[in-house]
């Protein structure tokens, strides 16, 4: 659904991710 609508999964279902998954994904957003 997120891919079809061009939005983040966390935007549509913010409570779906575990704290660990959310932290890992957010850390991956840091490029430099």
ModelCIF file with pLDDT and N, C-alpha, C, O atoms, coordinates in Angstrom:
data_MODEL
#
_entry.id   MODEL 
#
_entity.id                         1 
_entity.type                       polymer 
_entity.pdbx_number_of_molecules   1 
#
_entity_poly.entity_id                      1 
_entity_poly.type                           'polypeptide(L)' 
_entity_poly.nstd_linkage                   no 
_entity_poly.nstd_monomer                   no 
_entity_poly.pdbx_seq_one_letter_code       
;(UNK)(UNK)(UNK)(UNK)(UNK)(UNK)(UNK)(UNK)(UNK)(UNK)(UNK)(UNK)(UNK)(UNK)(UNK)(UNK)
(UNK)(UNK)(UNK)(UNK)(UNK)(UNK)(UNK)(UNK)(UNK)(UNK)(UNK)(UNK)(UNK)(UNK)(UNK)(UNK)
;
_entity_poly.pdbx_seq_one_letter_code_can   XXXXXXXXXXXXXXXXXXXXXXXXXXXXXXXX 
_entity_poly.pdbx_strand_id                 A 
#
loop_
_entity_poly_seq.entity_id 
_entity_poly_seq.num 
_entity_poly_seq.mon_id 
_entity_poly_seq.hetero 
1 1  UNK n 
1 2  UNK n 
1 3  UNK n 
1 4  UNK n 
1 5  UNK n 
1 6  UNK n 
1 7  UNK n 
1 8  UNK n 
1 9  UNK n 
1 10 UNK n 
1 11 UNK n 
1 12 UNK n 
1 13 UNK n 
1 14 UNK n 
1 15 UNK n 
1 16 UNK n 
1 17 UNK n 
1 18 UNK n 
1 19 UNK n 
1 20 UNK n 
1 21 UNK n 
1 22 UNK n 
1 23 UNK n 
1 24 UNK n 
1 25 UNK n 
1 26 UNK n 
1 27 UNK n 
1 28 UNK n 
1 29 UNK n 
1 30 UNK n 
1 31 UNK n 
1 32 UNK n 
#
_struct_asym.id          A 
_struct_asym.entity_id   1 
#
loop_
_ma_qa_metric.id 
_ma_qa_metric.mode 
_ma_qa_metric.name 
_ma_qa_metric.software_group_id 
_ma_qa_metric.type 
1 global pLDDT . pLDDT 
2 local  pLDDT . pLDDT 
#
_ma_qa_metric_global.metric_id      1 
_ma_qa_metric_global.metric_value   75.72 
_ma_qa_metric_global.model_id       1 
_ma_qa_metric_global.ordinal_id     1 
#
loop_
_ma_qa_metric_local.label_asym_id 
_ma_qa_metric_local.label_comp_id 
_ma_qa_metric_local.label_seq_id 
_ma_qa_metric_local.metric_id 
_ma_qa_metric_local.metric_value 
_ma_qa_metric_local.model_id 
_ma_qa_metric_local.ordinal_id 
A UNK 1  2 92.00 1 1  
A UNK 2  2 88.00 1 2  
A UNK 3  2 88.00 1 3  
A UNK 4  2 91.00 1 4  
A UNK 5  2 91.00 1 5  
A UNK 6  2 86.00 1 6  
A UNK 7  2 83.00 1 7  
A UNK 8  2 78.00 1 8  
A UNK 9  2 79.00 1 9  
A UNK 10 2 75.00 1 10 
A UNK 11 2 78.00 1 11 
A UNK 12 2 85.00 1 12 
A UNK 13 2 84.00 1 13 
A UNK 14 2 75.00 1 14 
A UNK 15 2 75.00 1 15 
A UNK 16 2 73.00 1 16 
A UNK 17 2 65.00 1 17 
A UNK 18 2 63.00 1 18 
A UNK 19 2 61.00 1 19 
A UNK 20 2 61.00 1 20 
A UNK 21 2 60.00 1 21 
A UNK 22 2 60.00 1 22 
A UNK 23 2 59.00 1 23 
A UNK 24 2 61.00 1 24 
A UNK 25 2 58.00 1 25 
A UNK 26 2 62.00 1 26 
A UNK 27 2 68.00 1 27 
A UNK 28 2 73.00 1 28 
A UNK 29 2 84.00 1 29 
A UNK 30 2 85.00 1 30 
A UNK 31 2 89.00 1 31 
A UNK 32 2 93.00 1 32 
#
loop_
_atom_site.group_PDB 
_atom_site.id 
_atom_site.type_symbol 
_atom_site.label_atom_id 
_atom_site.label_alt_id 
_atom_site.label_comp_id 
_atom_site.label_asym_id 
_atom_site.label_entity_id 
_atom_site.label_seq_id 
_atom_site.pdbx_PDB_ins_code 
_atom_site.Cartn_x 
_atom_site.Cartn_y 
_atom_site.Cartn_z 
_atom_site.occupancy 
_atom_site.B_iso_or_equiv 
_atom_site.pdbx_formal_charge 
_atom_site.auth_seq_id 
_atom_site.auth_comp_id 
_atom_site.auth_asym_id 
_atom_site.auth_atom_id 
_atom_site.pdbx_PDB_model_num 
ATOM 1   N N  . UNK A 1 1  ? 0.838  -1.205 0.000  1.00 92.00 ? 1  UNK A N  1 
ATOM 2   C CA . UNK A 1 1  ? 0.000  0.000  0.000  1.00 92.00 ? 1  UNK A CA 1 
ATOM 3   C C  . UNK A 1 1  ? 0.869  1.250  0.000  1.00 92.00 ? 1  UNK A C  1 
ATOM 4   O O  . UNK A 1 1  ? 0.620  2.189  -0.756 1.00 92.00 ? 1  UNK A O  1 
ATOM 5   N N  . UNK A 1 2  ? 1.897  1.256  0.858  1.00 88.00 ? 2  UNK A N  1 
ATOM 6   C CA . UNK A 1 2  ? 2.778  2.428  0.941  1.00 88.00 ? 2  UNK A CA 1 
ATOM 7   C C  . UNK A 1 2  ? 3.467  2.678  -0.391 1.00 88.00 ? 2  UNK A C  1 
ATOM 8   O O  . UNK A 1 2  ? 3.594  3.826  -0.818 1.00 88.00 ? 2  UNK A O  1 
ATOM 9   N N  . UNK A 1 3  ? 3.913  1.613  -1.053 1.00 88.00 ? 3  UNK A N  1 
ATOM 10  C CA . UNK A 1 3  ? 4.570  1.766  -2.349 1.00 88.00 ? 3  UNK A CA 1 
ATOM 11  C C  . UNK A 1 3  ? 3.589  2.272  -3.406 1.00 88.00 ? 3  UNK A C  1 
ATOM 12  O O  . UNK A 1 3  ? 3.937  3.117  -4.231 1.00 88.00 ? 3  UNK A O  1 
ATOM 13  N N  . UNK A 1 4  ? 2.366  1.750  -3.376 1.00 91.00 ? 4  UNK A N  1 
ATOM 14  C CA . UNK A 1 4  ? 1.364  2.167  -4.364 1.00 91.00 ? 4  UNK A CA 1 
ATOM 15  C C  . UNK A 1 4  ? 0.988  3.626  -4.208 1.00 91.00 ? 4  UNK A C  1 
ATOM 16  O O  . UNK A 1 4  ? 0.757  4.318  -5.199 1.00 91.00 ? 4  UNK A O  1 
ATOM 17  N N  . UNK A 1 5  ? 0.922  4.106  -2.958 1.00 91.00 ? 5  UNK A N  1 
ATOM 18  C CA . UNK A 1 5  ? 0.486  5.477  -2.696 1.00 91.00 ? 5  UNK A CA 1 
ATOM 19  C C  . UNK A 1 5  ? 1.644  6.458  -2.604 1.00 91.00 ? 5  UNK A C  1 
ATOM 20  O O  . UNK A 1 5  ? 1.431  7.667  -2.512 1.00 91.00 ? 5  UNK A O  1 
ATOM 21  N N  . UNK A 1 6  ? 2.867  5.944  -2.628 1.00 86.00 ? 6  UNK A N  1 
ATOM 22  C CA . UNK A 1 6  ? 4.028  6.823  -2.592 1.00 86.00 ? 6  UNK A CA 1 
ATOM 23  C C  . UNK A 1 6  ? 4.235  7.522  -1.269 1.00 86.00 ? 6  UNK A C  1 
ATOM 24  O O  . UNK A 1 6  ? 4.730  8.649  -1.229 1.00 86.00 ? 6  UNK A O  1 
ATOM 25  N N  . UNK A 1 7  ? 3.856  6.856  -0.171 1.00 83.00 ? 7  UNK A N  1 
ATOM 26  C CA . UNK A 1 7  ? 4.039  7.424  1.164  1.00 83.00 ? 7  UNK A CA 1 
ATOM 27  C C  . UNK A 1 7  ? 4.715  6.379  2.047  1.00 83.00 ? 7  UNK A C  1 
ATOM 28  O O  . UNK A 1 7  ? 4.822  5.211  1.673  1.00 83.00 ? 7  UNK A O  1 
ATOM 29  N N  . UNK A 1 8  ? 5.167  6.811  3.218  1.00 78.00 ? 8  UNK A N  1 
ATOM 30  C CA . UNK A 1 8  ? 5.795  5.883  4.144  1.00 78.00 ? 8  UNK A CA 1 
ATOM 31  C C  . UNK A 1 8  ? 4.758  5.027  4.862  1.00 78.00 ? 8  UNK A C  1 
ATOM 32  O O  . UNK A 1 8  ? 3.663  5.486  5.187  1.00 78.00 ? 8  UNK A O  1 
ATOM 33  N N  . UNK A 1 9  ? 5.126  3.787  5.096  1.00 79.00 ? 9  UNK A N  1 
ATOM 34  C CA . UNK A 1 9  ? 4.281  2.898  5.897  1.00 79.00 ? 9  UNK A CA 1 
ATOM 35  C C  . UNK A 1 9  ? 3.996  3.513  7.268  1.00 79.00 ? 9  UNK A C  1 
ATOM 36  O O  . UNK A 1 9  ? 2.879  3.423  7.778  1.00 79.00 ? 9  UNK A O  1 
ATOM 37  N N  . UNK A 1 10 ? 5.023  4.143  7.861  1.00 75.00 ? 10 UNK A N  1 
ATOM 38  C CA . UNK A 1 10 ? 4.863  4.717  9.196  1.00 75.00 ? 10 UNK A CA 1 
ATOM 39  C C  . UNK A 1 10 ? 3.899  5.897  9.198  1.00 75.00 ? 10 UNK A C  1 
ATOM 40  O O  . UNK A 1 10 ? 3.299  6.201  10.229 1.00 75.00 ? 10 UNK A O  1 
ATOM 41  N N  . UNK A 1 11 ? 3.741  6.564  8.060  1.00 78.00 ? 11 UNK A N  1 
ATOM 42  C CA . UNK A 1 11 ? 2.782  7.668  7.977  1.00 78.00 ? 11 UNK A CA 1 
ATOM 43  C C  . UNK A 1 11 ? 1.356  7.127  8.025  1.00 78.00 ? 11 UNK A C  1 
ATOM 44  O O  . UNK A 1 11 ? 0.494  7.705  8.688  1.00 78.00 ? 11 UNK A O  1 
ATOM 45  N N  . UNK A 1 12 ? 1.105  6.028  7.330  1.00 85.00 ? 12 UNK A N  1 
ATOM 46  C CA . UNK A 1 12 ? -0.247 5.463  7.276  1.00 85.00 ? 12 UNK A CA 1 
ATOM 47  C C  . UNK A 1 12 ? -0.604 4.703  8.549  1.00 85.00 ? 12 UNK A C  1 
ATOM 48  O O  . UNK A 1 12 ? -1.743 4.749  9.013  1.00 85.00 ? 12 UNK A O  1 
ATOM 49  N N  . UNK A 1 13 ? 0.395  3.997  9.115  1.00 84.00 ? 13 UNK A N  1 
ATOM 50  C CA . UNK A 1 13 ? 0.147  3.200  10.322 1.00 84.00 ? 13 UNK A CA 1 
ATOM 51  C C  . UNK A 1 13 ? 1.291  3.444  11.312 1.00 84.00 ? 13 UNK A C  1 
ATOM 52  O O  . UNK A 1 13 ? 2.150  2.578  11.477 1.00 84.00 ? 13 UNK A O  1 
ATOM 53  N N  . UNK A 1 14 ? 1.317  4.585  11.960 1.00 75.00 ? 14 UNK A N  1 
ATOM 54  C CA . UNK A 1 14 ? 2.440  4.940  12.833 1.00 75.00 ? 14 UNK A CA 1 
ATOM 55  C C  . UNK A 1 14 ? 2.652  3.999  14.007 1.00 75.00 ? 14 UNK A C  1 
ATOM 56  O O  . UNK A 1 14 ? 3.753  3.944  14.554 1.00 75.00 ? 14 UNK A O  1 
ATOM 57  N N  . UNK A 1 15 ? 1.619  3.253  14.411 1.00 75.00 ? 15 UNK A N  1 
ATOM 58  C CA . UNK A 1 15 ? 1.756  2.351  15.559 1.00 75.00 ? 15 UNK A CA 1 
ATOM 59  C C  . UNK A 1 15 ? 2.155  0.935  15.145 1.00 75.00 ? 15 UNK A C  1 
ATOM 60  O O  . UNK A 1 15 ? 2.321  0.063  15.997 1.00 75.00 ? 15 UNK A O  1 
ATOM 61  N N  . UNK A 1 16 ? 2.308  0.706  13.849 1.00 73.00 ? 16 UNK A N  1 
ATOM 62  C CA . UNK A 1 16 ? 2.548  -0.657 13.383 1.00 73.00 ? 16 UNK A CA 1 
ATOM 63  C C  . UNK A 1 16 ? 3.979  -1.125 13.626 1.00 73.00 ? 16 UNK A C  1 
ATOM 64  O O  . UNK A 1 16 ? 4.210  -2.316 13.838 1.00 73.00 ? 16 UNK A O  1 
ATOM 65  N N  . UNK A 1 17 ? 4.946  -0.199 13.597 1.00 65.00 ? 17 UNK A N  1 
ATOM 66  C CA . UNK A 1 17 ? 6.343  -0.580 13.743 1.00 65.00 ? 17 UNK A CA 1 
ATOM 67  C C  . UNK A 1 17 ? 6.720  -0.698 15.213 1.00 65.00 ? 17 UNK A C  1 
ATOM 68  O O  . UNK A 1 17 ? 6.266  0.086  16.047 1.00 65.00 ? 17 UNK A O  1 
ATOM 69  N N  . UNK A 1 18 ? 7.542  -1.671 15.515 1.00 63.00 ? 18 UNK A N  1 
ATOM 70  C CA . UNK A 1 18 ? 8.066  -1.783 16.871 1.00 63.00 ? 18 UNK A CA 1 
ATOM 71  C C  . UNK A 1 18 ? 9.067  -0.658 17.096 1.00 63.00 ? 18 UNK A C  1 
ATOM 72  O O  . UNK A 1 18 ? 9.601  -0.116 16.128 1.00 63.00 ? 18 UNK A O  1 
ATOM 73  N N  . UNK A 1 19 ? 9.339  -0.289 18.357 1.00 61.00 ? 19 UNK A N  1 
ATOM 74  C CA . UNK A 1 19 ? 10.336 0.752  18.619 1.00 61.00 ? 19 UNK A CA 1 
ATOM 75  C C  . UNK A 1 19 ? 11.692 0.421  18.003 1.00 61.00 ? 19 UNK A C  1 
ATOM 76  O O  . UNK A 1 19 ? 12.395 1.309  17.521 1.00 61.00 ? 19 UNK A O  1 
ATOM 77  N N  . UNK A 1 20 ? 12.060 -0.876 18.020 1.00 61.00 ? 20 UNK A N  1 
ATOM 78  C CA . UNK A 1 20 ? 13.353 -1.273 17.454 1.00 61.00 ? 20 UNK A CA 1 
ATOM 79  C C  . UNK A 1 20 ? 13.373 -1.075 15.946 1.00 61.00 ? 20 UNK A C  1 
ATOM 80  O O  . UNK A 1 20 ? 14.355 -0.580 15.394 1.00 61.00 ? 20 UNK A O  1 
ATOM 81  N N  . UNK A 1 21 ? 12.282 -1.463 15.273 1.00 60.00 ? 21 UNK A N  1 
ATOM 82  C CA . UNK A 1 21 ? 12.220 -1.282 13.819 1.00 60.00 ? 21 UNK A CA 1 
ATOM 83  C C  . UNK A 1 21 ? 12.252 0.190  13.445 1.00 60.00 ? 21 UNK A C  1 
ATOM 84  O O  . UNK A 1 21 ? 12.944 0.583  12.506 1.00 60.00 ? 21 UNK A O  1 
ATOM 85  N N  . UNK A 1 22 ? 11.502 1.002  14.180 1.00 60.00 ? 22 UNK A N  1 
ATOM 86  C CA . UNK A 1 22 ? 11.457 2.434  13.897 1.00 60.00 ? 22 UNK A CA 1 
ATOM 87  C C  . UNK A 1 22 ? 12.819 3.070  14.118 1.00 60.00 ? 22 UNK A C  1 
ATOM 88  O O  . UNK A 1 22 ? 13.241 3.912  13.325 1.00 60.00 ? 22 UNK A O  1 
ATOM 89  N N  . UNK A 1 23 ? 13.518 2.681  15.186 1.00 59.00 ? 23 UNK A N  1 
ATOM 90  C CA . UNK A 1 23 ? 14.839 3.244  15.472 1.00 59.00 ? 23 UNK A CA 1 
ATOM 91  C C  . UNK A 1 23 ? 15.841 2.861  14.397 1.00 59.00 ? 23 UNK A C  1 
ATOM 92  O O  . UNK A 1 23 ? 16.642 3.693  13.972 1.00 59.00 ? 23 UNK A O  1 
ATOM 93  N N  . UNK A 1 24 ? 15.806 1.605  13.950 1.00 61.00 ? 24 UNK A N  1 
ATOM 94  C CA . UNK A 1 24 ? 16.731 1.151  12.917 1.00 61.00 ? 24 UNK A CA 1 
ATOM 95  C C  . UNK A 1 24 ? 16.477 1.879  11.602 1.00 61.00 ? 24 UNK A C  1 
ATOM 96  O O  . UNK A 1 24 ? 17.417 2.288  10.920 1.00 61.00 ? 24 UNK A O  1 
ATOM 97  N N  . UNK A 1 25 ? 15.197 2.039  11.247 1.00 58.00 ? 25 UNK A N  1 
ATOM 98  C CA . UNK A 1 25 ? 14.868 2.728  10.001 1.00 58.00 ? 25 UNK A CA 1 
ATOM 99  C C  . UNK A 1 25 ? 15.285 4.183  10.059 1.00 58.00 ? 25 UNK A C  1 
ATOM 100 O O  . UNK A 1 25 ? 15.834 4.715  9.094  1.00 58.00 ? 25 UNK A O  1 
ATOM 101 N N  . UNK A 1 26 ? 15.028 4.834  11.191 1.00 62.00 ? 26 UNK A N  1 
ATOM 102 C CA . UNK A 1 26 ? 15.387 6.249  11.327 1.00 62.00 ? 26 UNK A CA 1 
ATOM 103 C C  . UNK A 1 26 ? 16.893 6.437  11.259 1.00 62.00 ? 26 UNK A C  1 
ATOM 104 O O  . UNK A 1 26 ? 17.374 7.402  10.664 1.00 62.00 ? 26 UNK A O  1 
ATOM 105 N N  . UNK A 1 27 ? 17.643 5.518  11.865 1.00 68.00 ? 27 UNK A N  1 
ATOM 106 C CA . UNK A 1 27 ? 19.104 5.620  11.800 1.00 68.00 ? 27 UNK A CA 1 
ATOM 107 C C  . UNK A 1 27 ? 19.589 5.512  10.360 1.00 68.00 ? 27 UNK A C  1 
ATOM 108 O O  . UNK A 1 27 ? 20.571 6.148  9.977  1.00 68.00 ? 27 UNK A O  1 
ATOM 109 N N  . UNK A 1 28 ? 18.894 4.703  9.567  1.00 73.00 ? 28 UNK A N  1 
ATOM 110 C CA . UNK A 1 28 ? 19.278 4.534  8.166  1.00 73.00 ? 28 UNK A CA 1 
ATOM 111 C C  . UNK A 1 28 ? 18.975 5.772  7.332  1.00 73.00 ? 28 UNK A C  1 
ATOM 112 O O  . UNK A 1 28 ? 19.485 5.913  6.221  1.00 73.00 ? 28 UNK A O  1 
ATOM 113 N N  . UNK A 1 29 ? 18.140 6.678  7.866  1.00 84.00 ? 29 UNK A N  1 
ATOM 114 C CA . UNK A 1 29 ? 17.845 7.911  7.136  1.00 84.00 ? 29 UNK A CA 1 
ATOM 115 C C  . UNK A 1 29 ? 19.009 8.900  7.182  1.00 84.00 ? 29 UNK A C  1 
ATOM 116 O O  . UNK A 1 29 ? 19.036 9.855  6.406  1.00 84.00 ? 29 UNK A O  1 
ATOM 117 N N  . UNK A 1 30 ? 19.962 8.684  8.074  1.00 85.00 ? 30 UNK A N  1 
ATOM 118 C CA . UNK A 1 30 ? 21.097 9.601  8.210  1.00 85.00 ? 30 UNK A CA 1 
ATOM 119 C C  . UNK A 1 30 ? 22.171 9.225  7.195  1.00 85.00 ? 30 UNK A C  1 
ATOM 120 O O  . UNK A 1 30 ? 22.767 8.151  7.282  1.00 85.00 ? 30 UNK A O  1 
ATOM 121 N N  . UNK A 1 31 ? 22.413 10.108 6.236  1.00 89.00 ? 31 UNK A N  1 
ATOM 122 C CA . UNK A 1 31 ? 23.439 9.871  5.227  1.00 89.00 ? 31 UNK A CA 1 
ATOM 123 C C  . UNK A 1 31 ? 24.796 10.380 5.683  1.00 89.00 ? 31 UNK A C  1 
ATOM 124 O O  . UNK A 1 31 ? 25.799 9.672  5.588  1.00 89.00 ? 31 UNK A O  1 
ATOM 125 N N  . UNK A 1 32 ? 24.823 11.613 6.181  1.00 93.00 ? 32 UNK A N  1 
ATOM 126 C CA . UNK A 1 32 ? 26.078 12.245 6.584  1.00 93.00 ? 32 UNK A CA 1 
ATOM 127 C C  . UNK A 1 32 ? 25.801 13.220 7.716  1.00 93.00 ? 32 UNK A C  1 
ATOM 128 O O  . UNK A 1 32 ? 26.723 13.868 8.213  1.00 93.00 ? 32 UNK A O  1 
#
